[in-house]
Amino acid sequence: MTKLFSTIRFFLLLTCFIFLFNNAFAQINVDAQYRPRFEVRNGYRELIPKDANPSLIASQRMRLSLVYETEKLKLKFSPQDVRVWGDENLTSSTGVYGKVASLDLYEGYIELKPAPSVRLSIGRQVLSYDNQRLLSERNWNQNGLAYDAVVLKMKKEKD
């Protein structure tokens, strides 16, 4: 949890620095997502015993994406909260609520554009290329999947 707060602090400081010293035109996009999921599991991962009852599970994902983009720079910060309904402790002896931290960083990266045909992105990001057979956006489960990576993209100019 401390790592998440230090990452949030870093991106906030970086954003403030860019706002103060950048005179270029910029665009800010905010996107929110709320996705509940209800499942009926009857024989999940094993054969169904004769006297078994199906189990019902409800979960949710809440994600907020903030994107700041200029001609030479793009910042994306996307925290998410994934939880299973009824899986939280209501109270504890220490006064702390909940037993599992469900807040996490889904995406958080900076993309530099030093030239029109070159881009360098650093941080946690979704990798999705070509026909998505090898690397694709795996967002079907509640947590999603993003990679910690440094990606250099170069576009070859057509002859």
N, C-alpha and C. Protein backbone atom coordinates (compact mmCIF):
# COMPACT_ATOMS: atom_id res chain seq x y z
N MET A 1 0.82 -1.19 0.00
CA MET A 1 0.00 0.00 0.00
C MET A 1 0.87 1.25 0.00
N THR A 2 2.01 1.18 0.69
CA THR A 2 2.91 2.34 0.73
C THR A 2 3.49 2.60 -0.66
N LYS A 3 3.75 1.52 -1.40
CA LYS A 3 4.28 1.67 -2.75
C LYS A 3 3.29 2.40 -3.64
N LEU A 4 2.00 2.09 -3.47
CA LEU A 4 0.97 2.75 -4.26
C LEU A 4 0.92 4.24 -3.94
N PHE A 5 0.97 4.59 -2.65
CA PHE A 5 0.92 6.01 -2.28
C PHE A 5 2.16 6.76 -2.75
N SER A 6 3.33 6.12 -2.73
CA SER A 6 4.53 6.79 -3.23
C SER A 6 4.43 6.98 -4.74
N THR A 7 3.82 6.03 -5.46
CA THR A 7 3.62 6.19 -6.90
C THR A 7 2.64 7.32 -7.18
N ILE A 8 1.57 7.38 -6.41
CA ILE A 8 0.59 8.46 -6.58
C ILE A 8 1.25 9.81 -6.31
N ARG A 9 2.04 9.89 -5.25
CA ARG A 9 2.74 11.13 -4.91
C ARG A 9 3.68 11.55 -6.04
N PHE A 10 4.41 10.58 -6.62
CA PHE A 10 5.34 10.88 -7.71
C PHE A 10 4.59 11.46 -8.91
N PHE A 11 3.47 10.82 -9.31
CA PHE A 11 2.73 11.31 -10.46
C PHE A 11 2.08 12.66 -10.20
N LEU A 12 1.63 12.91 -8.99
CA LEU A 12 1.07 14.23 -8.67
C LEU A 12 2.14 15.32 -8.74
N LEU A 13 3.31 15.04 -8.20
CA LEU A 13 4.40 16.02 -8.27
C LEU A 13 4.83 16.25 -9.71
N LEU A 14 4.92 15.19 -10.48
CA LEU A 14 5.31 15.32 -11.88
C LEU A 14 4.27 16.12 -12.66
N THR A 15 3.01 15.89 -12.40
CA THR A 15 1.94 16.63 -13.06
C THR A 15 1.98 18.11 -12.68
N CYS A 16 2.19 18.41 -11.41
CA CYS A 16 2.30 19.81 -10.98
C CYS A 16 3.48 20.49 -11.65
N PHE A 17 4.60 19.80 -11.74
CA PHE A 17 5.79 20.35 -12.38
C PHE A 17 5.51 20.66 -13.85
N ILE A 18 4.82 19.77 -14.53
CA ILE A 18 4.52 19.97 -15.95
C ILE A 18 3.55 21.12 -16.14
N PHE A 19 2.53 21.23 -15.27
CA PHE A 19 1.58 22.33 -15.38
C PHE A 19 2.26 23.68 -15.17
N LEU A 20 3.22 23.74 -14.26
CA LEU A 20 3.86 25.00 -13.96
C LEU A 20 4.81 25.47 -15.06
N PHE A 21 5.53 24.53 -15.68
CA PHE A 21 6.60 24.90 -16.61
C PHE A 21 6.31 24.56 -18.06
N ASN A 22 5.09 24.26 -18.39
CA ASN A 22 4.76 23.90 -19.77
C ASN A 22 3.77 24.92 -20.32
N ASN A 23 4.13 25.57 -21.42
CA ASN A 23 3.27 26.58 -22.03
C ASN A 23 2.56 26.05 -23.27
N ALA A 24 2.70 24.77 -23.59
CA ALA A 24 2.08 24.20 -24.78
C ALA A 24 0.59 23.95 -24.54
N PHE A 25 -0.13 23.76 -25.64
CA PHE A 25 -1.54 23.41 -25.52
C PHE A 25 -1.64 21.96 -25.07
N ALA A 26 -2.54 21.70 -24.16
CA ALA A 26 -2.66 20.36 -23.61
C ALA A 26 -4.12 19.94 -23.55
N GLN A 27 -4.31 18.64 -23.40
CA GLN A 27 -5.65 18.09 -23.28
C GLN A 27 -5.67 17.15 -22.08
N ILE A 28 -6.73 17.27 -21.29
CA ILE A 28 -6.90 16.40 -20.13
C ILE A 28 -8.17 15.59 -20.34
N ASN A 29 -8.05 14.27 -20.21
CA ASN A 29 -9.19 13.37 -20.33
C ASN A 29 -9.39 12.64 -19.02
N VAL A 30 -10.63 12.54 -18.58
CA VAL A 30 -10.98 11.79 -17.38
C VAL A 30 -12.01 10.74 -17.79
N ASP A 31 -11.74 9.51 -17.39
CA ASP A 31 -12.63 8.40 -17.74
C ASP A 31 -12.88 7.57 -16.50
N ALA A 32 -14.13 7.23 -16.24
CA ALA A 32 -14.47 6.41 -15.08
C ALA A 32 -15.17 5.15 -15.55
N GLN A 33 -14.94 4.08 -14.81
CA GLN A 33 -15.53 2.79 -15.17
C GLN A 33 -16.03 2.10 -13.91
N TYR A 34 -17.25 1.61 -13.96
CA TYR A 34 -17.80 0.80 -12.88
C TYR A 34 -18.34 -0.47 -13.52
N ARG A 35 -17.81 -1.61 -13.10
CA ARG A 35 -18.20 -2.87 -13.73
C ARG A 35 -18.53 -3.91 -12.67
N PRO A 36 -19.83 -4.14 -12.42
CA PRO A 36 -20.20 -5.23 -11.51
C PRO A 36 -20.24 -6.54 -12.29
N ARG A 37 -19.99 -7.63 -11.60
CA ARG A 37 -20.04 -8.95 -12.22
C ARG A 37 -20.69 -9.93 -11.26
N PHE A 38 -21.69 -10.65 -11.74
CA PHE A 38 -22.38 -11.67 -10.95
C PHE A 38 -22.11 -13.02 -11.60
N GLU A 39 -21.68 -13.99 -10.80
CA GLU A 39 -21.34 -15.31 -11.32
C GLU A 39 -22.09 -16.38 -10.55
N VAL A 40 -22.47 -17.43 -11.28
CA VAL A 40 -23.03 -18.63 -10.67
C VAL A 40 -22.03 -19.74 -10.95
N ARG A 41 -21.44 -20.26 -9.89
CA ARG A 41 -20.45 -21.32 -10.04
C ARG A 41 -21.07 -22.64 -9.60
N ASN A 42 -21.17 -23.53 -10.54
CA ASN A 42 -21.72 -24.85 -10.28
C ASN A 42 -20.78 -25.85 -10.93
N GLY A 43 -19.85 -26.39 -10.16
CA GLY A 43 -18.86 -27.29 -10.71
C GLY A 43 -17.62 -26.56 -11.19
N TYR A 44 -17.32 -25.45 -10.60
CA TYR A 44 -16.14 -24.68 -10.99
C TYR A 44 -14.87 -25.43 -10.59
N ARG A 45 -14.01 -25.76 -11.54
CA ARG A 45 -12.73 -26.42 -11.38
C ARG A 45 -12.80 -27.88 -10.91
N GLU A 46 -13.97 -28.44 -10.80
CA GLU A 46 -14.10 -29.83 -10.38
C GLU A 46 -15.47 -30.35 -10.80
N LEU A 47 -15.63 -31.66 -10.80
CA LEU A 47 -16.93 -32.23 -11.12
C LEU A 47 -17.91 -31.91 -10.00
N ILE A 48 -19.17 -31.84 -10.34
CA ILE A 48 -20.20 -31.46 -9.38
C ILE A 48 -20.56 -32.67 -8.52
N PRO A 49 -20.39 -32.57 -7.19
CA PRO A 49 -20.88 -33.66 -6.31
C PRO A 49 -22.41 -33.70 -6.33
N LYS A 50 -22.97 -34.83 -5.93
CA LYS A 50 -24.42 -35.02 -6.01
C LYS A 50 -25.19 -34.04 -5.12
N ASP A 51 -24.68 -33.76 -3.94
CA ASP A 51 -25.43 -32.93 -3.00
C ASP A 51 -24.93 -31.48 -2.96
N ALA A 52 -24.21 -31.03 -3.97
CA ALA A 52 -23.64 -29.68 -3.97
C ALA A 52 -24.66 -28.65 -4.44
N ASN A 53 -24.56 -27.47 -3.86
CA ASN A 53 -25.38 -26.34 -4.27
C ASN A 53 -24.51 -25.35 -5.02
N PRO A 54 -25.05 -24.67 -6.02
CA PRO A 54 -24.24 -23.67 -6.73
C PRO A 54 -23.92 -22.48 -5.82
N SER A 55 -22.81 -21.85 -6.08
CA SER A 55 -22.43 -20.67 -5.30
C SER A 55 -22.62 -19.42 -6.16
N LEU A 56 -23.03 -18.36 -5.52
CA LEU A 56 -23.24 -17.07 -6.19
C LEU A 56 -22.17 -16.11 -5.70
N ILE A 57 -21.52 -15.44 -6.62
CA ILE A 57 -20.45 -14.49 -6.29
C ILE A 57 -20.73 -13.18 -7.01
N ALA A 58 -20.63 -12.09 -6.29
CA ALA A 58 -20.77 -10.75 -6.89
C ALA A 58 -19.49 -9.98 -6.62
N SER A 59 -18.94 -9.39 -7.67
CA SER A 59 -17.73 -8.59 -7.52
C SER A 59 -17.90 -7.30 -8.32
N GLN A 60 -16.98 -6.38 -8.11
CA GLN A 60 -17.05 -5.10 -8.83
C GLN A 60 -15.65 -4.58 -9.10
N ARG A 61 -15.56 -3.78 -10.15
CA ARG A 61 -14.32 -3.07 -10.47
C ARG A 61 -14.68 -1.61 -10.70
N MET A 62 -13.95 -0.74 -10.02
CA MET A 62 -14.09 0.70 -10.24
C MET A 62 -12.72 1.21 -10.67
N ARG A 63 -12.68 1.91 -11.79
CA ARG A 63 -11.42 2.40 -12.33
C ARG A 63 -11.60 3.85 -12.77
N LEU A 64 -10.63 4.68 -12.46
CA LEU A 64 -10.62 6.08 -12.86
C LEU A 64 -9.34 6.34 -13.63
N SER A 65 -9.45 6.85 -14.85
CA SER A 65 -8.28 7.12 -15.68
C SER A 65 -8.14 8.61 -15.91
N LEU A 66 -6.96 9.13 -15.66
CA LEU A 66 -6.63 10.53 -15.92
C LEU A 66 -5.50 10.57 -16.94
N VAL A 67 -5.73 11.27 -18.04
CA VAL A 67 -4.72 11.37 -19.10
C VAL A 67 -4.46 12.85 -19.38
N TYR A 68 -3.19 13.23 -19.31
CA TYR A 68 -2.75 14.59 -19.64
C TYR A 68 -1.84 14.46 -20.85
N GLU A 69 -2.17 15.18 -21.93
CA GLU A 69 -1.41 15.00 -23.17
C GLU A 69 -1.09 16.33 -23.82
N THR A 70 0.19 16.49 -24.22
CA THR A 70 0.64 17.64 -25.00
C THR A 70 1.28 17.10 -26.28
N GLU A 71 1.90 17.99 -27.03
CA GLU A 71 2.57 17.57 -28.27
C GLU A 71 3.74 16.63 -28.00
N LYS A 72 4.46 16.84 -26.92
CA LYS A 72 5.67 16.08 -26.64
C LYS A 72 5.56 15.13 -25.46
N LEU A 73 4.40 15.09 -24.79
CA LEU A 73 4.30 14.35 -23.54
C LEU A 73 2.89 13.79 -23.34
N LYS A 74 2.83 12.61 -22.74
CA LYS A 74 1.55 12.03 -22.34
C LYS A 74 1.74 11.37 -20.98
N LEU A 75 0.86 11.70 -20.05
CA LEU A 75 0.86 11.10 -18.72
C LEU A 75 -0.47 10.38 -18.53
N LYS A 76 -0.41 9.14 -18.04
CA LYS A 76 -1.63 8.40 -17.75
C LYS A 76 -1.53 7.82 -16.36
N PHE A 77 -2.58 8.03 -15.59
CA PHE A 77 -2.65 7.52 -14.22
C PHE A 77 -4.03 6.90 -14.04
N SER A 78 -4.06 5.60 -13.73
CA SER A 78 -5.32 4.90 -13.64
C SER A 78 -5.34 3.94 -12.44
N PRO A 79 -5.82 4.41 -11.27
CA PRO A 79 -5.97 3.50 -10.13
C PRO A 79 -7.29 2.72 -10.27
N GLN A 80 -7.34 1.57 -9.60
CA GLN A 80 -8.56 0.77 -9.64
C GLN A 80 -8.83 0.14 -8.28
N ASP A 81 -10.09 -0.16 -8.04
CA ASP A 81 -10.53 -0.82 -6.82
C ASP A 81 -11.33 -2.04 -7.24
N VAL A 82 -10.84 -3.24 -6.91
CA VAL A 82 -11.51 -4.49 -7.24
C VAL A 82 -11.83 -5.20 -5.95
N ARG A 83 -13.09 -5.58 -5.78
CA ARG A 83 -13.47 -6.27 -4.54
C ARG A 83 -14.61 -7.24 -4.80
N VAL A 84 -14.68 -8.25 -3.94
CA VAL A 84 -15.77 -9.22 -3.94
C VAL A 84 -16.74 -8.80 -2.85
N TRP A 85 -18.01 -8.72 -3.18
CA TRP A 85 -19.00 -8.26 -2.22
C TRP A 85 -19.09 -9.25 -1.06
N GLY A 86 -19.09 -8.73 0.17
CA GLY A 86 -19.20 -9.56 1.36
C GLY A 86 -17.89 -10.14 1.81
N ASP A 87 -16.76 -9.78 1.16
CA ASP A 87 -15.46 -10.34 1.51
C ASP A 87 -14.69 -9.46 2.48
N GLU A 88 -15.27 -8.35 2.89
CA GLU A 88 -14.58 -7.42 3.78
C GLU A 88 -14.99 -7.66 5.23
N ASN A 89 -14.04 -7.51 6.14
CA ASN A 89 -14.37 -7.53 7.56
C ASN A 89 -15.07 -6.22 7.90
N LEU A 90 -16.11 -6.28 8.67
CA LEU A 90 -16.80 -5.05 9.05
C LEU A 90 -16.05 -4.29 10.13
N THR A 91 -15.49 -5.01 11.10
CA THR A 91 -14.72 -4.37 12.15
C THR A 91 -13.54 -5.26 12.52
N SER A 92 -12.58 -4.67 13.17
CA SER A 92 -11.45 -5.46 13.69
C SER A 92 -11.06 -4.88 15.04
N SER A 93 -10.22 -5.58 15.76
CA SER A 93 -9.83 -5.13 17.09
C SER A 93 -8.99 -3.86 17.05
N THR A 94 -8.32 -3.61 15.92
CA THR A 94 -7.48 -2.41 15.80
C THR A 94 -8.24 -1.21 15.26
N GLY A 95 -9.49 -1.42 14.84
CA GLY A 95 -10.25 -0.32 14.28
C GLY A 95 -10.06 -0.15 12.79
N VAL A 96 -9.26 -1.03 12.18
CA VAL A 96 -9.03 -0.96 10.74
C VAL A 96 -10.13 -1.74 10.04
N TYR A 97 -10.70 -1.17 9.00
CA TYR A 97 -11.76 -1.83 8.26
C TYR A 97 -11.19 -2.57 7.08
N GLY A 98 -11.69 -3.76 6.80
CA GLY A 98 -11.25 -4.54 5.66
C GLY A 98 -10.01 -5.34 5.97
N LYS A 99 -9.85 -6.48 5.31
CA LYS A 99 -8.70 -7.33 5.56
C LYS A 99 -7.75 -7.41 4.37
N VAL A 100 -8.21 -7.04 3.19
CA VAL A 100 -7.40 -7.13 1.99
C VAL A 100 -7.42 -5.77 1.29
N ALA A 101 -6.24 -5.28 0.93
CA ALA A 101 -6.18 -4.02 0.20
C ALA A 101 -6.68 -4.26 -1.22
N SER A 102 -7.69 -3.53 -1.64
CA SER A 102 -8.25 -3.74 -2.96
C SER A 102 -7.91 -2.60 -3.91
N LEU A 103 -7.28 -1.56 -3.41
CA LEU A 103 -6.90 -0.43 -4.25
C LEU A 103 -5.53 -0.70 -4.84
N ASP A 104 -5.41 -0.55 -6.16
CA ASP A 104 -4.18 -0.87 -6.85
C ASP A 104 -4.00 0.07 -8.04
N LEU A 105 -2.81 0.10 -8.58
CA LEU A 105 -2.53 0.91 -9.76
C LEU A 105 -2.63 0.02 -10.99
N TYR A 106 -3.58 0.32 -11.87
CA TYR A 106 -3.73 -0.45 -13.10
C TYR A 106 -2.75 0.06 -14.16
N GLU A 107 -2.77 1.35 -14.44
CA GLU A 107 -1.83 1.95 -15.38
C GLU A 107 -1.28 3.23 -14.78
N GLY A 108 -0.01 3.47 -15.03
CA GLY A 108 0.63 4.71 -14.62
C GLY A 108 1.92 4.84 -15.39
N TYR A 109 1.92 5.66 -16.42
CA TYR A 109 3.12 5.78 -17.24
C TYR A 109 3.26 7.19 -17.80
N ILE A 110 4.47 7.44 -18.27
CA ILE A 110 4.78 8.69 -18.95
C ILE A 110 5.29 8.32 -20.34
N GLU A 111 4.80 9.02 -21.34
CA GLU A 111 5.23 8.78 -22.72
C GLU A 111 5.83 10.05 -23.28
N LEU A 112 7.07 9.97 -23.68
CA LEU A 112 7.79 11.11 -24.26
C LEU A 112 7.78 10.99 -25.78
N LYS A 113 7.61 12.12 -26.47
CA LYS A 113 7.58 12.14 -27.93
C LYS A 113 8.67 13.10 -28.42
N PRO A 114 9.94 12.66 -28.44
CA PRO A 114 11.02 13.57 -28.82
C PRO A 114 11.01 13.93 -30.29
N ALA A 115 10.49 13.06 -31.16
CA ALA A 115 10.42 13.31 -32.60
C ALA A 115 9.07 12.79 -33.10
N PRO A 116 8.62 13.22 -34.27
CA PRO A 116 7.32 12.76 -34.76
C PRO A 116 7.23 11.23 -34.95
N SER A 117 8.35 10.59 -35.20
CA SER A 117 8.32 9.15 -35.46
C SER A 117 8.84 8.31 -34.30
N VAL A 118 9.13 8.92 -33.15
CA VAL A 118 9.70 8.19 -32.01
C VAL A 118 8.87 8.47 -30.75
N ARG A 119 8.59 7.40 -30.00
CA ARG A 119 7.89 7.52 -28.72
C ARG A 119 8.54 6.59 -27.71
N LEU A 120 8.71 7.09 -26.49
CA LEU A 120 9.29 6.31 -25.42
C LEU A 120 8.34 6.37 -24.24
N SER A 121 7.85 5.20 -23.82
CA SER A 121 6.94 5.17 -22.67
C SER A 121 7.54 4.32 -21.57
N ILE A 122 7.41 4.83 -20.33
CA ILE A 122 8.01 4.20 -19.16
C ILE A 122 6.95 4.10 -18.08
N GLY A 123 6.78 2.89 -17.51
CA GLY A 123 5.85 2.71 -16.41
C GLY A 123 4.95 1.50 -16.61
N ARG A 124 3.89 1.43 -15.85
CA ARG A 124 2.93 0.33 -15.94
C ARG A 124 1.92 0.67 -17.02
N GLN A 125 1.85 -0.19 -18.05
CA GLN A 125 1.03 0.10 -19.21
C GLN A 125 0.51 -1.18 -19.84
N VAL A 126 -0.57 -1.05 -20.61
CA VAL A 126 -1.13 -2.17 -21.35
C VAL A 126 -0.35 -2.31 -22.64
N LEU A 127 0.06 -3.54 -22.95
CA LEU A 127 0.77 -3.81 -24.21
C LEU A 127 -0.18 -4.56 -25.13
N SER A 128 -0.47 -3.97 -26.27
CA SER A 128 -1.41 -4.56 -27.21
C SER A 128 -0.92 -4.24 -28.62
N TYR A 129 -0.51 -5.29 -29.35
CA TYR A 129 0.09 -5.06 -30.66
C TYR A 129 -0.53 -5.94 -31.73
N ASP A 130 -0.50 -5.46 -32.95
CA ASP A 130 -0.85 -6.17 -34.16
C ASP A 130 -2.21 -6.85 -34.02
N ASN A 131 -2.28 -8.15 -34.28
CA ASN A 131 -3.57 -8.84 -34.19
C ASN A 131 -3.82 -9.40 -32.79
N GLN A 132 -3.00 -9.02 -31.84
CA GLN A 132 -3.14 -9.33 -30.41
C GLN A 132 -3.07 -10.83 -30.11
N ARG A 133 -2.26 -11.55 -30.87
CA ARG A 133 -2.09 -12.97 -30.59
C ARG A 133 -1.04 -13.21 -29.52
N LEU A 134 0.02 -12.40 -29.51
CA LEU A 134 1.09 -12.58 -28.52
C LEU A 134 0.93 -11.65 -27.32
N LEU A 135 0.71 -10.38 -27.58
CA LEU A 135 0.50 -9.40 -26.51
C LEU A 135 -0.81 -8.68 -26.78
N SER A 136 -1.73 -8.80 -25.83
CA SER A 136 -3.03 -8.16 -26.03
C SER A 136 -3.53 -7.60 -24.70
N GLU A 137 -4.54 -6.78 -24.80
CA GLU A 137 -5.15 -6.22 -23.60
C GLU A 137 -6.02 -7.29 -22.96
N ARG A 138 -5.60 -7.76 -21.80
CA ARG A 138 -6.36 -8.79 -21.08
C ARG A 138 -7.16 -8.11 -19.99
N ASN A 139 -8.36 -7.75 -20.35
CA ASN A 139 -9.20 -6.96 -19.46
C ASN A 139 -10.49 -7.70 -19.13
N TRP A 140 -10.54 -8.99 -19.42
CA TRP A 140 -11.77 -9.75 -19.21
C TRP A 140 -12.00 -10.06 -17.74
N ASN A 141 -10.92 -10.25 -16.97
CA ASN A 141 -11.13 -10.49 -15.54
C ASN A 141 -11.26 -9.15 -14.83
N GLN A 142 -11.60 -9.18 -13.58
CA GLN A 142 -11.86 -7.93 -12.87
C GLN A 142 -10.58 -7.11 -12.69
N ASN A 143 -9.44 -7.72 -12.48
CA ASN A 143 -8.21 -6.97 -12.22
C ASN A 143 -7.58 -6.41 -13.48
N GLY A 144 -7.72 -7.06 -14.60
CA GLY A 144 -7.04 -6.62 -15.80
C GLY A 144 -5.55 -6.95 -15.70
N LEU A 145 -4.80 -6.69 -16.75
CA LEU A 145 -3.38 -6.99 -16.73
C LEU A 145 -2.62 -5.88 -17.44
N ALA A 146 -1.66 -5.30 -16.74
CA ALA A 146 -0.79 -4.29 -17.32
C ALA A 146 0.64 -4.67 -16.96
N TYR A 147 1.59 -4.25 -17.77
CA TYR A 147 2.98 -4.63 -17.60
C TYR A 147 3.81 -3.43 -17.15
N ASP A 148 4.83 -3.68 -16.31
CA ASP A 148 5.83 -2.68 -15.99
C ASP A 148 6.88 -2.78 -17.08
N ALA A 149 7.00 -1.74 -17.90
CA ALA A 149 7.87 -1.85 -19.07
C ALA A 149 8.40 -0.50 -19.51
N VAL A 150 9.47 -0.57 -20.27
CA VAL A 150 10.00 0.58 -21.01
C VAL A 150 9.84 0.21 -22.47
N VAL A 151 9.07 1.00 -23.22
CA VAL A 151 8.76 0.68 -24.61
C VAL A 151 9.23 1.82 -25.51
N LEU A 152 10.02 1.46 -26.51
CA LEU A 152 10.47 2.42 -27.52
C LEU A 152 9.75 2.09 -28.81
N LYS A 153 8.99 3.04 -29.34
CA LYS A 153 8.24 2.85 -30.57
C LYS A 153 8.83 3.76 -31.64
N MET A 154 9.15 3.16 -32.77
CA MET A 154 9.68 3.93 -33.90
C MET A 154 8.83 3.62 -35.13
N LYS A 155 8.41 4.65 -35.81
CA LYS A 155 7.58 4.48 -37.00
C LYS A 155 8.43 4.80 -38.23
N LYS A 156 8.51 3.84 -39.11
CA LYS A 156 9.31 4.03 -40.32
C LYS A 156 8.52 4.86 -41.31
N GLU A 157 9.17 5.89 -41.83
CA GLU A 157 8.50 6.74 -42.81
C GLU A 157 8.42 6.02 -44.14
N LYS A 158 7.28 6.17 -44.83
CA LYS A 158 7.07 5.48 -46.11
C LYS A 158 7.90 6.14 -47.19
N ASP A 159 8.41 5.31 -48.09
CA ASP A 159 9.23 5.82 -49.20
C ASP A 159 8.39 6.39 -50.30
